[in-house]
Amino acid sequence: MGAMSDEVIQDQTSEESRFPLPPPSFAFLVMSLRAQAEMQLGLMHFGEEEKPQPELMLARHTIDLMAVLIEKTRGNLAIEEQRMLENSVTELRFRYVQVSEEIAKASAQKA
């Protein structure tokens, strides 16, 4: 049993060295959700030739999850954390509207 647990520890150690992660924090949670929403809105390009297609339903869900965090954490965050979360939701909502309008224009031009 000792050899097996040593192997598991080695696997975890080598995995951790390949993918160093920042310590868990509220800021990291907010930035992770924000990045997820930006990807879903098609705003992040990873060297792809074509612009990624937006997934508006998923983006809206992620933005709504962040809005739930605003409500459920009210009064329990440092001012910097609260601002980061509120500013992220505001900007993502704005970007959501922009992307929605771009999609509507593109659909109208095809018709």
PDB file of N, CA and C in Angstrom:
ATOM      1  N   MET A   1       0.819  -1.199   0.000  1.00  0.00           N
ATOM      2  CA  MET A   1       0.000   0.000   0.000  1.00  0.00           C
ATOM      3  C   MET A   1       0.859   1.256   0.000  1.00  0.00           C
ATOM      4  N   GLY A   2       2.015   1.213   0.653  1.00  0.00           N
ATOM      5  CA  GLY A   2       2.889   2.375   0.705  1.00  0.00           C
ATOM      6  C   GLY A   2       3.371   2.781  -0.669  1.00  0.00           C
ATOM      7  N   ALA A   3       3.693   1.813  -1.522  1.00  0.00           N
ATOM      8  CA  ALA A   3       4.181   2.136  -2.868  1.00  0.00           C
ATOM      9  C   ALA A   3       3.088   2.803  -3.686  1.00  0.00           C
ATOM     10  N   MET A   4       1.861   2.320  -3.529  1.00  0.00           N
ATOM     11  CA  MET A   4       0.765   2.906  -4.288  1.00  0.00           C
ATOM     12  C   MET A   4       0.532   4.356  -3.865  1.00  0.00           C
ATOM     13  N   SER A   5       0.557   4.637  -2.568  1.00  0.00           N
ATOM     14  CA  SER A   5       0.331   6.003  -2.128  1.00  0.00           C
ATOM     15  C   SER A   5       1.490   6.906  -2.546  1.00  0.00           C
ATOM     16  N   ASP A   6       2.728   6.384  -2.570  1.00  0.00           N
ATOM     17  CA  ASP A   6       3.868   7.160  -3.050  1.00  0.00           C
ATOM     18  C   ASP A   6       3.682   7.505  -4.526  1.00  0.00           C
ATOM     19  N   GLU A   7       3.162   6.547  -5.295  1.00  0.00           N
ATOM     20  CA  GLU A   7       2.931   6.776  -6.725  1.00  0.00           C
ATOM     21  C   GLU A   7       1.887   7.873  -6.925  1.00  0.00           C
ATOM     22  N   VAL A   8       0.839   7.838  -6.140  1.00  0.00           N
ATOM     23  CA  VAL A   8      -0.209   8.859  -6.234  1.00  0.00           C
ATOM     24  C   VAL A   8       0.366  10.233  -5.894  1.00  0.00           C
ATOM     25  N   ILE A   9       1.189  10.295  -4.860  1.00  0.00           N
ATOM     26  CA  ILE A   9       1.810  11.562  -4.469  1.00  0.00           C
ATOM     27  C   ILE A   9       2.726  12.062  -5.575  1.00  0.00           C
ATOM     28  N   GLN A  10       3.501  11.167  -6.194  1.00  0.00           N
ATOM     29  CA  GLN A  10       4.371  11.572  -7.299  1.00  0.00           C
ATOM     30  C   GLN A  10       3.550  12.106  -8.468  1.00  0.00           C
ATOM     31  N   ASP A  11       2.451  11.426  -8.798  1.00  0.00           N
ATOM     32  CA  ASP A  11       1.588  11.888  -9.884  1.00  0.00           C
ATOM     33  C   ASP A  11       1.050  13.280  -9.578  1.00  0.00           C
ATOM     34  N   GLN A  12       0.615  13.502  -8.349  1.00  0.00           N
ATOM     35  CA  GLN A  12       0.080  14.802  -7.969  1.00  0.00           C
ATOM     36  C   GLN A  12       1.166  15.877  -8.030  1.00  0.00           C
ATOM     37  N   THR A  13       2.367  15.536  -7.568  1.00  0.00           N
ATOM     38  CA  THR A  13       3.467  16.494  -7.569  1.00  0.00           C
ATOM     39  C   THR A  13       3.858  16.864  -8.988  1.00  0.00           C
ATOM     40  N   SER A  14       3.969  15.877  -9.873  1.00  0.00           N
ATOM     41  CA  SER A  14       4.359  16.187 -11.248  1.00  0.00           C
ATOM     42  C   SER A  14       3.253  16.973 -11.954  1.00  0.00           C
ATOM     43  N   GLU A  15       2.008  16.666 -11.660  1.00  0.00           N
ATOM     44  CA  GLU A  15       0.890  17.405 -12.252  1.00  0.00           C
ATOM     45  C   GLU A  15       0.904  18.855 -11.759  1.00  0.00           C
ATOM     46  N   GLU A  16       1.181  19.057 -10.483  1.00  0.00           N
ATOM     47  CA  GLU A  16       1.215  20.404  -9.926  1.00  0.00           C
ATOM     48  C   GLU A  16       2.347  21.221 -10.531  1.00  0.00           C
ATOM     49  N   SER A  17       3.484  20.593 -10.806  1.00  0.00           N
ATOM     50  CA  SER A  17       4.603  21.349 -11.362  1.00  0.00           C
ATOM     51  C   SER A  17       4.333  21.726 -12.819  1.00  0.00           C
ATOM     52  N   ARG A  18       3.549  20.937 -13.537  1.00  0.00           N
ATOM     53  CA  ARG A  18       3.210  21.258 -14.918  1.00  0.00           C
ATOM     54  C   ARG A  18       2.183  22.374 -14.997  1.00  0.00           C
ATOM     55  N   PHE A  19       1.277  22.418 -14.057  1.00  0.00           N
ATOM     56  CA  PHE A  19       0.187  23.388 -14.065  1.00  0.00           C
ATOM     57  C   PHE A  19       0.158  24.140 -12.743  1.00  0.00           C
ATOM     58  N   PRO A  20       1.068  25.074 -12.557  1.00  0.00           N
ATOM     59  CA  PRO A  20       1.049  25.811 -11.279  1.00  0.00           C
ATOM     60  C   PRO A  20      -0.227  26.645 -11.178  1.00  0.00           C
ATOM     61  N   LEU A  21      -0.918  26.485 -10.101  1.00  0.00           N
ATOM     62  CA  LEU A  21      -2.175  27.205  -9.894  1.00  0.00           C
ATOM     63  C   LEU A  21      -1.993  28.250  -8.810  1.00  0.00           C
ATOM     64  N   PRO A  22      -2.635  29.392  -8.988  1.00  0.00           N
ATOM     65  CA  PRO A  22      -2.584  30.382  -7.906  1.00  0.00           C
ATOM     66  C   PRO A  22      -3.386  29.866  -6.718  1.00  0.00           C
ATOM     67  N   PRO A  23      -3.127  30.419  -5.561  1.00  0.00           N
ATOM     68  CA  PRO A  23      -3.906  29.971  -4.397  1.00  0.00           C
ATOM     69  C   PRO A  23      -5.384  30.306  -4.596  1.00  0.00           C
ATOM     70  N   PRO A  24      -6.260  29.456  -4.092  1.00  0.00           N
ATOM     71  CA  PRO A  24      -7.691  29.747  -4.205  1.00  0.00           C
ATOM     72  C   PRO A  24      -8.015  31.062  -3.504  1.00  0.00           C
ATOM     73  N   SER A  25      -8.785  31.896  -4.182  1.00  0.00           N
ATOM     74  CA  SER A  25      -9.195  33.173  -3.592  1.00  0.00           C
ATOM     75  C   SER A  25     -10.486  33.616  -4.272  1.00  0.00           C
ATOM     76  N   PHE A  26     -11.132  34.580  -3.679  1.00  0.00           N
ATOM     77  CA  PHE A  26     -12.350  35.113  -4.278  1.00  0.00           C
ATOM     78  C   PHE A  26     -12.032  35.790  -5.602  1.00  0.00           C
ATOM     79  N   ALA A  27     -10.912  36.516  -5.645  1.00  0.00           N
ATOM     80  CA  ALA A  27     -10.507  37.195  -6.881  1.00  0.00           C
ATOM     81  C   ALA A  27     -10.286  36.180  -8.002  1.00  0.00           C
ATOM     82  N   PHE A  28      -9.652  35.048  -7.686  1.00  0.00           N
ATOM     83  CA  PHE A  28      -9.413  34.028  -8.704  1.00  0.00           C
ATOM     84  C   PHE A  28     -10.745  33.433  -9.183  1.00  0.00           C
ATOM     85  N   LEU A  29     -11.676  33.245  -8.278  1.00  0.00           N
ATOM     86  CA  LEU A  29     -13.004  32.745  -8.654  1.00  0.00           C
ATOM     87  C   LEU A  29     -13.683  33.711  -9.620  1.00  0.00           C
ATOM     88  N   VAL A  30     -13.669  34.994  -9.302  1.00  0.00           N
ATOM     89  CA  VAL A  30     -14.298  36.008 -10.162  1.00  0.00           C
ATOM     90  C   VAL A  30     -13.615  36.035 -11.522  1.00  0.00           C
ATOM     91  N   MET A  31     -12.287  36.045 -11.538  1.00  0.00           N
ATOM     92  CA  MET A  31     -11.563  36.111 -12.810  1.00  0.00           C
ATOM     93  C   MET A  31     -11.783  34.838 -13.638  1.00  0.00           C
ATOM     94  N   SER A  32     -11.921  33.706 -13.000  1.00  0.00           N
ATOM     95  CA  SER A  32     -12.199  32.460 -13.718  1.00  0.00           C
ATOM     96  C   SER A  32     -13.572  32.505 -14.380  1.00  0.00           C
ATOM     97  N   LEU A  33     -14.578  32.947 -13.631  1.00  0.00           N
ATOM     98  CA  LEU A  33     -15.921  33.061 -14.193  1.00  0.00           C
ATOM     99  C   LEU A  33     -15.961  34.097 -15.311  1.00  0.00           C
ATOM    100  N   ARG A  34     -15.230  35.197 -15.119  1.00  0.00           N
ATOM    101  CA  ARG A  34     -15.186  36.238 -16.142  1.00  0.00           C
ATOM    102  C   ARG A  34     -14.552  35.704 -17.434  1.00  0.00           C
ATOM    103  N   ALA A  35     -13.444  34.997 -17.300  1.00  0.00           N
ATOM    104  CA  ALA A  35     -12.778  34.422 -18.473  1.00  0.00           C
ATOM    105  C   ALA A  35     -13.690  33.415 -19.164  1.00  0.00           C
ATOM    106  N   GLN A  36     -14.403  32.630 -18.377  1.00  0.00           N
ATOM    107  CA  GLN A  36     -15.346  31.660 -18.943  1.00  0.00           C
ATOM    108  C   GLN A  36     -16.415  32.376 -19.763  1.00  0.00           C
ATOM    109  N   ALA A  37     -16.979  33.444 -19.218  1.00  0.00           N
ATOM    110  CA  ALA A  37     -18.010  34.203 -19.936  1.00  0.00           C
ATOM    111  C   ALA A  37     -17.435  34.843 -21.198  1.00  0.00           C
ATOM    112  N   GLU A  38     -16.219  35.368 -21.118  1.00  0.00           N
ATOM    113  CA  GLU A  38     -15.591  35.974 -22.297  1.00  0.00           C
ATOM    114  C   GLU A  38     -15.381  34.931 -23.401  1.00  0.00           C
ATOM    115  N   MET A  39     -14.984  33.721 -23.022  1.00  0.00           N
ATOM    116  CA  MET A  39     -14.841  32.647 -24.014  1.00  0.00           C
ATOM    117  C   MET A  39     -16.196  32.313 -24.625  1.00  0.00           C
ATOM    118  N   GLN A  40     -17.222  32.232 -23.786  1.00  0.00           N
ATOM    119  CA  GLN A  40     -18.562  31.904 -24.278  1.00  0.00           C
ATOM    120  C   GLN A  40     -19.117  32.990 -25.188  1.00  0.00           C
ATOM    121  N   LEU A  41     -18.673  34.223 -24.987  1.00  0.00           N
ATOM    122  CA  LEU A  41     -19.092  35.327 -25.850  1.00  0.00           C
ATOM    123  C   LEU A  41     -18.261  35.393 -27.137  1.00  0.00           C
ATOM    124  N   GLY A  42     -17.258  34.527 -27.248  1.00  0.00           N
ATOM    125  CA  GLY A  42     -16.411  34.507 -28.435  1.00  0.00           C
ATOM    126  C   GLY A  42     -15.394  35.628 -28.447  1.00  0.00           C
ATOM    127  N   LEU A  43     -15.064  36.174 -27.283  1.00  0.00           N
ATOM    128  CA  LEU A  43     -14.140  37.306 -27.198  1.00  0.00           C
ATOM    129  C   LEU A  43     -12.690  36.880 -27.067  1.00  0.00           C
ATOM    130  N   MET A  44     -12.444  35.617 -26.729  1.00  0.00           N
ATOM    131  CA  MET A  44     -11.068  35.138 -26.580  1.00  0.00           C
ATOM    132  C   MET A  44     -10.694  34.307 -27.789  1.00  0.00           C
ATOM    133  N   HIS A  45      -9.544  34.634 -28.372  1.00  0.00           N
ATOM    134  CA  HIS A  45      -9.032  33.897 -29.521  1.00  0.00           C
ATOM    135  C   HIS A  45      -7.731  33.238 -29.099  1.00  0.00           C
ATOM    136  N   PHE A  46      -7.620  31.969 -29.353  1.00  0.00           N
ATOM    137  CA  PHE A  46      -6.422  31.229 -28.984  1.00  0.00           C
ATOM    138  C   PHE A  46      -5.666  30.809 -30.232  1.00  0.00           C
ATOM    139  N   GLY A  47      -5.320  31.774 -31.061  1.00  0.00           N
ATOM    140  CA  GLY A  47      -4.575  31.485 -32.268  1.00  0.00           C
ATOM    141  C   GLY A  47      -5.411  30.842 -33.362  1.00  0.00           C
ATOM    142  N   GLU A  48      -6.707  30.775 -33.162  1.00  0.00           N
ATOM    143  CA  GLU A  48      -7.573  30.194 -34.179  1.00  0.00           C
ATOM    144  C   GLU A  48      -7.731  31.187 -35.312  1.00  0.00           C
ATOM    145  N   GLU A  49      -7.840  30.673 -36.517  1.00  0.00           N
ATOM    146  CA  GLU A  49      -7.993  31.559 -37.671  1.00  0.00           C
ATOM    147  C   GLU A  49      -9.368  32.218 -37.665  1.00  0.00           C
ATOM    148  N   GLU A  50     -10.388  31.443 -37.373  1.00  0.00           N
ATOM    149  CA  GLU A  50     -11.746  31.990 -37.349  1.00  0.00           C
ATOM    150  C   GLU A  50     -12.109  32.428 -35.941  1.00  0.00           C
ATOM    151  N   LYS A  51     -12.902  33.481 -35.881  1.00  0.00           N
ATOM    152  CA  LYS A  51     -13.399  33.948 -34.586  1.00  0.00           C
ATOM    153  C   LYS A  51     -14.332  32.879 -34.021  1.00  0.00           C
ATOM    154  N   PRO A  52     -14.154  32.523 -32.745  1.00  0.00           N
ATOM    155  CA  PRO A  52     -15.039  31.505 -32.165  1.00  0.00           C
ATOM    156  C   PRO A  52     -16.499  31.964 -32.166  1.00  0.00           C
ATOM    157  N   GLN A  53     -17.396  31.022 -32.361  1.00  0.00           N
ATOM    158  CA  GLN A  53     -18.822  31.338 -32.359  1.00  0.00           C
ATOM    159  C   GLN A  53     -19.294  31.562 -30.922  1.00  0.00           C
ATOM    160  N   PRO A  54     -19.999  32.654 -30.680  1.00  0.00           N
ATOM    161  CA  PRO A  54     -20.521  32.908 -29.334  1.00  0.00           C
ATOM    162  C   PRO A  54     -21.584  31.877 -28.936  1.00  0.00           C
ATOM    163  N   GLU A  55     -21.595  31.569 -27.676  1.00  0.00           N
ATOM    164  CA  GLU A  55     -22.614  30.702 -27.072  1.00  0.00           C
ATOM    165  C   GLU A  55     -23.394  31.586 -26.106  1.00  0.00           C
ATOM    166  N   LEU A  56     -24.370  32.336 -26.641  1.00  0.00           N
ATOM    167  CA  LEU A  56     -25.052  33.350 -25.845  1.00  0.00           C
ATOM    168  C   LEU A  56     -25.781  32.778 -24.634  1.00  0.00           C
ATOM    169  N   MET A  57     -26.401  31.619 -24.799  1.00  0.00           N
ATOM    170  CA  MET A  57     -27.139  31.037 -23.679  1.00  0.00           C
ATOM    171  C   MET A  57     -26.186  30.694 -22.523  1.00  0.00           C
ATOM    172  N   LEU A  58     -25.038  30.117 -22.847  1.00  0.00           N
ATOM    173  CA  LEU A  58     -24.062  29.784 -21.803  1.00  0.00           C
ATOM    174  C   LEU A  58     -23.477  31.044 -21.175  1.00  0.00           C
ATOM    175  N   ALA A  59     -23.175  32.045 -22.022  1.00  0.00           N
ATOM    176  CA  ALA A  59     -22.618  33.297 -21.504  1.00  0.00           C
ATOM    177  C   ALA A  59     -23.605  33.966 -20.543  1.00  0.00           C
ATOM    178  N   ARG A  60     -24.861  33.993 -20.937  1.00  0.00           N
ATOM    179  CA  ARG A  60     -25.889  34.606 -20.081  1.00  0.00           C
ATOM    180  C   ARG A  60     -25.978  33.883 -18.742  1.00  0.00           C
ATOM    181  N   HIS A  61     -25.885  32.564 -18.773  1.00  0.00           N
ATOM    182  CA  HIS A  61     -25.942  31.763 -17.547  1.00  0.00           C
ATOM    183  C   HIS A  61     -24.762  32.092 -16.628  1.00  0.00           C
ATOM    184  N   THR A  62     -23.569  32.185 -17.203  1.00  0.00           N
ATOM    185  CA  THR A  62     -22.385  32.502 -16.403  1.00  0.00           C
ATOM    186  C   THR A  62     -22.493  33.896 -15.807  1.00  0.00           C
ATOM    187  N   ILE A  63     -22.947  34.860 -16.594  1.00  0.00           N
ATOM    188  CA  ILE A  63     -23.123  36.227 -16.093  1.00  0.00           C
ATOM    189  C   ILE A  63     -24.173  36.251 -14.981  1.00  0.00           C
ATOM    190  N   ASP A  64     -25.243  35.506 -15.161  1.00  0.00           N
ATOM    191  CA  ASP A  64     -26.280  35.425 -14.123  1.00  0.00           C
ATOM    192  C   ASP A  64     -25.739  34.779 -12.845  1.00  0.00           C
ATOM    193  N   LEU A  65     -24.852  33.783 -12.988  1.00  0.00           N
ATOM    194  CA  LEU A  65     -24.229  33.168 -11.806  1.00  0.00           C
ATOM    195  C   LEU A  65     -23.412  34.207 -11.039  1.00  0.00           C
ATOM    196  N   MET A  66     -22.702  35.045 -11.783  1.00  0.00           N
ATOM    197  CA  MET A  66     -21.911  36.093 -11.137  1.00  0.00           C
ATOM    198  C   MET A  66     -22.817  37.104 -10.441  1.00  0.00           C
ATOM    199  N   ALA A  67     -23.983  37.379 -11.018  1.00  0.00           N
ATOM    200  CA  ALA A  67     -24.950  38.285 -10.378  1.00  0.00           C
ATOM    201  C   ALA A  67     -25.477  37.666  -9.085  1.00  0.00           C
ATOM    202  N   VAL A  68     -25.643  36.351  -9.068  1.00  0.00           N
ATOM    203  CA  VAL A  68     -26.055  35.662  -7.836  1.00  0.00           C
ATOM    204  C   VAL A  68     -24.981  35.863  -6.764  1.00  0.00           C
ATOM    205  N   LEU A  69     -23.716  35.775  -7.165  1.00  0.00           N
ATOM    206  CA  LEU A  69     -22.632  36.003  -6.204  1.00  0.00           C
ATOM    207  C   LEU A  69     -22.709  37.405  -5.605  1.00  0.00           C
ATOM    208  N   ILE A  70     -23.053  38.390  -6.423  1.00  0.00           N
ATOM    209  CA  ILE A  70     -23.183  39.759  -5.909  1.00  0.00           C
ATOM    210  C   ILE A  70     -24.224  39.789  -4.797  1.00  0.00           C
ATOM    211  N   GLU A  71     -25.370  39.185  -5.060  1.00  0.00           N
ATOM    212  CA  GLU A  71     -26.452  39.202  -4.070  1.00  0.00           C
ATOM    213  C   GLU A  71     -26.106  38.403  -2.819  1.00  0.00           C
ATOM    214  N   LYS A  72     -25.534  37.221  -3.008  1.00  0.00           N
ATOM    215  CA  LYS A  72     -25.292  36.333  -1.873  1.00  0.00           C
ATOM    216  C   LYS A  72     -24.084  36.727  -1.023  1.00  0.00           C
ATOM    217  N   THR A  73     -23.202  37.552  -1.579  1.00  0.00           N
ATOM    218  CA  THR A  73     -22.016  37.949  -0.816  1.00  0.00           C
ATOM    219  C   THR A  73     -22.114  39.376  -0.294  1.00  0.00           C
ATOM    220  N   ARG A  74     -23.229  40.047  -0.574  1.00  0.00           N
ATOM    221  CA  ARG A  74     -23.375  41.449  -0.166  1.00  0.00           C
ATOM    222  C   ARG A  74     -23.078  41.600   1.328  1.00  0.00           C
ATOM    223  N   GLY A  75     -22.174  42.534   1.640  1.00  0.00           N
ATOM    224  CA  GLY A  75     -21.822  42.794   3.037  1.00  0.00           C
ATOM    225  C   GLY A  75     -20.732  41.889   3.576  1.00  0.00           C
ATOM    226  N   ASN A  76     -20.270  40.926   2.785  1.00  0.00           N
ATOM    227  CA  ASN A  76     -19.258  39.979   3.264  1.00  0.00           C
ATOM    228  C   ASN A  76     -17.938  40.062   2.508  1.00  0.00           C
ATOM    229  N   LEU A  77     -17.817  41.010   1.595  1.00  0.00           N
ATOM    230  CA  LEU A  77     -16.600  41.115   0.791  1.00  0.00           C
ATOM    231  C   LEU A  77     -15.837  42.383   1.143  1.00  0.00           C
ATOM    232  N   ALA A  78     -14.533  42.324   0.910  1.00  0.00           N
ATOM    233  CA  ALA A  78     -13.730  43.542   0.982  1.00  0.00           C
ATOM    234  C   ALA A  78     -14.179  44.431  -0.174  1.00  0.00           C
ATOM    235  N   ILE A  79     -13.982  45.723  -0.044  1.00  0.00           N
ATOM    236  CA  ILE A  79     -14.452  46.658  -1.059  1.00  0.00           C
ATOM    237  C   ILE A  79     -13.831  46.349  -2.422  1.00  0.00           C
ATOM    238  N   GLU A  80     -12.562  45.943  -2.447  1.00  0.00           N
ATOM    239  CA  GLU A  80     -11.897  45.606  -3.715  1.00  0.00           C
ATOM    240  C   GLU A  80     -12.561  44.398  -4.373  1.00  0.00           C
ATOM    241  N   GLU A  81     -12.913  43.392  -3.558  1.00  0.00           N
ATOM    242  CA  GLU A  81     -13.577  42.198  -4.088  1.00  0.00           C
ATOM    243  C   GLU A  81     -14.949  42.557  -4.649  1.00  0.00           C
ATOM    244  N   GLN A  82     -15.686  43.370  -3.907  1.00  0.00           N
ATOM    245  CA  GLN A  82     -17.026  43.781  -4.345  1.00  0.00           C
ATOM    246  C   GLN A  82     -16.948  44.553  -5.660  1.00  0.00           C
ATOM    247  N   ARG A  83     -16.005  45.478  -5.752  1.00  0.00           N
ATOM    248  CA  ARG A  83     -15.840  46.260  -6.990  1.00  0.00           C
ATOM    249  C   ARG A  83     -15.454  45.369  -8.159  1.00  0.00           C
ATOM    250  N   MET A  84     -14.513  44.446  -7.933  1.00  0.00           N
ATOM    251  CA  MET A  84     -14.081  43.551  -8.997  1.00  0.00           C
ATOM    252  C   MET A  84     -15.258  42.747  -9.544  1.00  0.00           C
ATOM    253  N   LEU A  85     -16.071  42.223  -8.649  1.00  0.00           N
ATOM    254  CA  LEU A  85     -17.225  41.424  -9.053  1.00  0.00           C
ATOM    255  C   LEU A  85     -18.258  42.291  -9.776  1.00  0.00           C
ATOM    256  N   GLU A  86     -18.615  43.418  -9.198  1.00  0.00           N
ATOM    257  CA  GLU A  86     -19.625  44.286  -9.817  1.00  0.00           C
ATOM    258  C   GLU A  86     -19.157  44.836 -11.161  1.00  0.00           C
ATOM    259  N   ASN A  87     -17.886  45.257 -11.244  1.00  0.00           N
ATOM    260  CA  ASN A  87     -17.357  45.772 -12.503  1.00  0.00           C
ATOM    261  C   ASN A  87     -17.322  44.683 -13.574  1.00  0.00           C
ATOM    262  N   SER A  88     -16.977  43.467 -13.177  1.00  0.00           N
ATOM    263  CA  SER A  88     -16.940  42.361 -14.129  1.00  0.00           C
ATOM    264  C   SER A  88     -18.329  42.078 -14.686  1.00  0.00           C
ATOM    265  N   VAL A  89     -19.329  42.039 -13.816  1.00  0.00           N
ATOM    266  CA  VAL A  89     -20.700  41.770 -14.266  1.00  0.00           C
ATOM    267  C   VAL A  89     -21.188  42.895 -15.181  1.00  0.00           C
ATOM    268  N   THR A  90     -20.913  44.135 -14.811  1.00  0.00           N
ATOM    269  CA  THR A  90     -21.336  45.268 -15.640  1.00  0.00           C
ATOM    270  C   THR A  90     -20.700  45.193 -17.023  1.00  0.00           C
ATOM    271  N   GLU A  91     -19.385  44.961 -17.070  1.00  0.00           N
ATOM    272  CA  GLU A  91     -18.698  44.891 -18.359  1.00  0.00           C
ATOM    273  C   GLU A  91     -19.177  43.703 -19.186  1.00  0.00           C
ATOM    274  N   LEU A  92     -19.376  42.556 -18.547  1.00  0.00           N
ATOM    275  CA  LEU A  92     -19.840  41.373 -19.279  1.00  0.00           C
ATOM    276  C   LEU A  92     -21.254  41.573 -19.827  1.00  0.00           C
ATOM    277  N   ARG A  93     -22.101  42.243 -19.076  1.00  0.00           N
ATOM    278  CA  ARG A  93     -23.450  42.530 -19.579  1.00  0.00           C
ATOM    279  C   ARG A  93     -23.376  43.428 -20.814  1.00  0.00           C
ATOM    280  N   PHE A  94     -22.502  44.429 -20.769  1.00  0.00           N
ATOM    281  CA  PHE A  94     -22.306  45.322 -21.907  1.00  0.00           C
ATOM    282  C   PHE A  94     -21.808  44.529 -23.118  1.00  0.00           C
ATOM    283  N   ARG A  95     -20.810  43.675 -22.892  1.00  0.00           N
ATOM    284  CA  ARG A  95     -20.265  42.854 -23.982  1.00  0.00           C
ATOM    285  C   ARG A  95     -21.315  41.894 -24.535  1.00  0.00           C
ATOM    286  N   TYR A  96     -22.148  41.364 -23.654  1.00  0.00           N
ATOM    287  CA  TYR A  96     -23.223  40.459 -24.083  1.00  0.00           C
ATOM    288  C   TYR A  96     -24.155  41.172 -25.061  1.00  0.00           C
ATOM    289  N   VAL A  97     -24.535  42.412 -24.728  1.00  0.00           N
ATOM    290  CA  VAL A  97     -25.411  43.200 -25.600  1.00  0.00           C
ATOM    291  C   VAL A  97     -24.710  43.462 -26.933  1.00  0.00           C
ATOM    292  N   GLN A  98     -23.426  43.829 -26.885  1.00  0.00           N
ATOM    293  CA  GLN A  98     -22.671  44.086 -28.123  1.00  0.00           C
ATOM    294  C   GLN A  98     -22.658  42.850 -29.023  1.00  0.00           C
ATOM    295  N   VAL A  99     -22.329  41.703 -28.452  1.00  0.00           N
ATOM    296  CA  VAL A  99     -22.257  40.460 -29.235  1.00  0.00           C
ATOM    297  C   VAL A  99     -23.634  40.099 -29.778  1.00  0.00           C
ATOM    298  N   SER A 100     -24.669  40.264 -28.968  1.00  0.00           N
ATOM    299  CA  SER A 100     -26.040  39.973 -29.417  1.00  0.00           C
ATOM    300  C   SER A 100     -26.415  40.843 -30.611  1.00  0.00           C
ATOM    301  N   GLU A 101     -26.047  42.128 -30.541  1.00  0.00           N
ATOM    302  CA  GLU A 101     -26.343  43.040 -31.649  1.00  0.00           C
ATOM    303  C   GLU A 101     -25.567  42.671 -32.904  1.00  0.00           C
ATOM    304  N   GLU A 102     -24.303  42.259 -32.755  1.00  0.00           N
ATOM    305  CA  GLU A 102     -23.499  41.834 -33.900  1.00  0.00           C
ATOM    306  C   GLU A 102     -24.124  40.613 -34.567  1.00  0.00           C
ATOM    307  N   ILE A 103     -24.597  39.690 -33.761  1.00  0.00           N
ATOM    308  CA  ILE A 103     -25.222  38.473 -34.307  1.00  0.00           C
ATOM    309  C   ILE A 103     -26.511  38.836 -35.046  1.00  0.00           C
ATOM    310  N   ALA A 104     -27.293  39.744 -34.458  1.00  0.00           N
ATOM    311  CA  ALA A 104     -28.545  40.166 -35.098  1.00  0.00           C
ATOM    312  C   ALA A 104     -28.267  40.851 -36.443  1.00  0.00           C
ATOM    313  N   LYS A 105     -27.244  41.711 -36.495  1.00  0.00           N
ATOM    314  CA  LYS A 105     -26.878  42.383 -37.753  1.00  0.00           C
ATOM    315  C   LYS A 105     -26.421  41.367 -38.791  1.00  0.00           C
ATOM    316  N   ALA A 106     -25.604  40.421 -38.387  1.00  0.00           N
ATOM    317  CA  ALA A 106     -25.104  39.405 -39.320  1.00  0.00           C
ATOM    318  C   ALA A 106     -26.255  38.563 -39.856  1.00  0.00           C
ATOM    319  N   SER A 107     -27.212  38.231 -39.003  1.00  0.00           N
ATOM    320  CA  SER A 107     -28.382  37.451 -39.449  1.00  0.00           C
ATOM    321  C   SER A 107     -29.224  38.253 -40.420  1.00  0.00           C
ATOM    322  N   ALA A 108     -29.386  39.539 -40.152  1.00  0.00           N
ATOM    323  CA  ALA A 108     -30.190  40.408 -41.034  1.00  0.00           C
ATOM    324  C   ALA A 108     -29.531  40.549 -42.408  1.00  0.00           C
ATOM    325  N   GLN A 109     -28.207  40.606 -42.432  1.00  0.00           N
ATOM    326  CA  GLN A 109     -27.493  40.741 -43.696  1.00  0.00           C
ATOM    327  C   GLN A 109     -27.577  39.466 -44.531  1.00  0.00           C
ATOM    328  N   LYS A 110     -27.646  38.314 -43.870  1.00  0.00           N
ATOM    329  CA  LYS A 110     -27.746  37.037 -44.590  1.00  0.00           C
ATOM    330  C   LYS A 110     -29.129  36.844 -45.193  1.00  0.00           C
ATOM    331  N   ALA A 111     -30.136  37.432 -44.553  1.00  0.00           N
ATOM    332  CA  ALA A 111     -31.534  37.218 -44.984  1.00  0.00           C
ATOM    333  C   ALA A 111     -31.853  37.965 -46.260  1.00  0.00           C
TER     334      ALA A 111
END
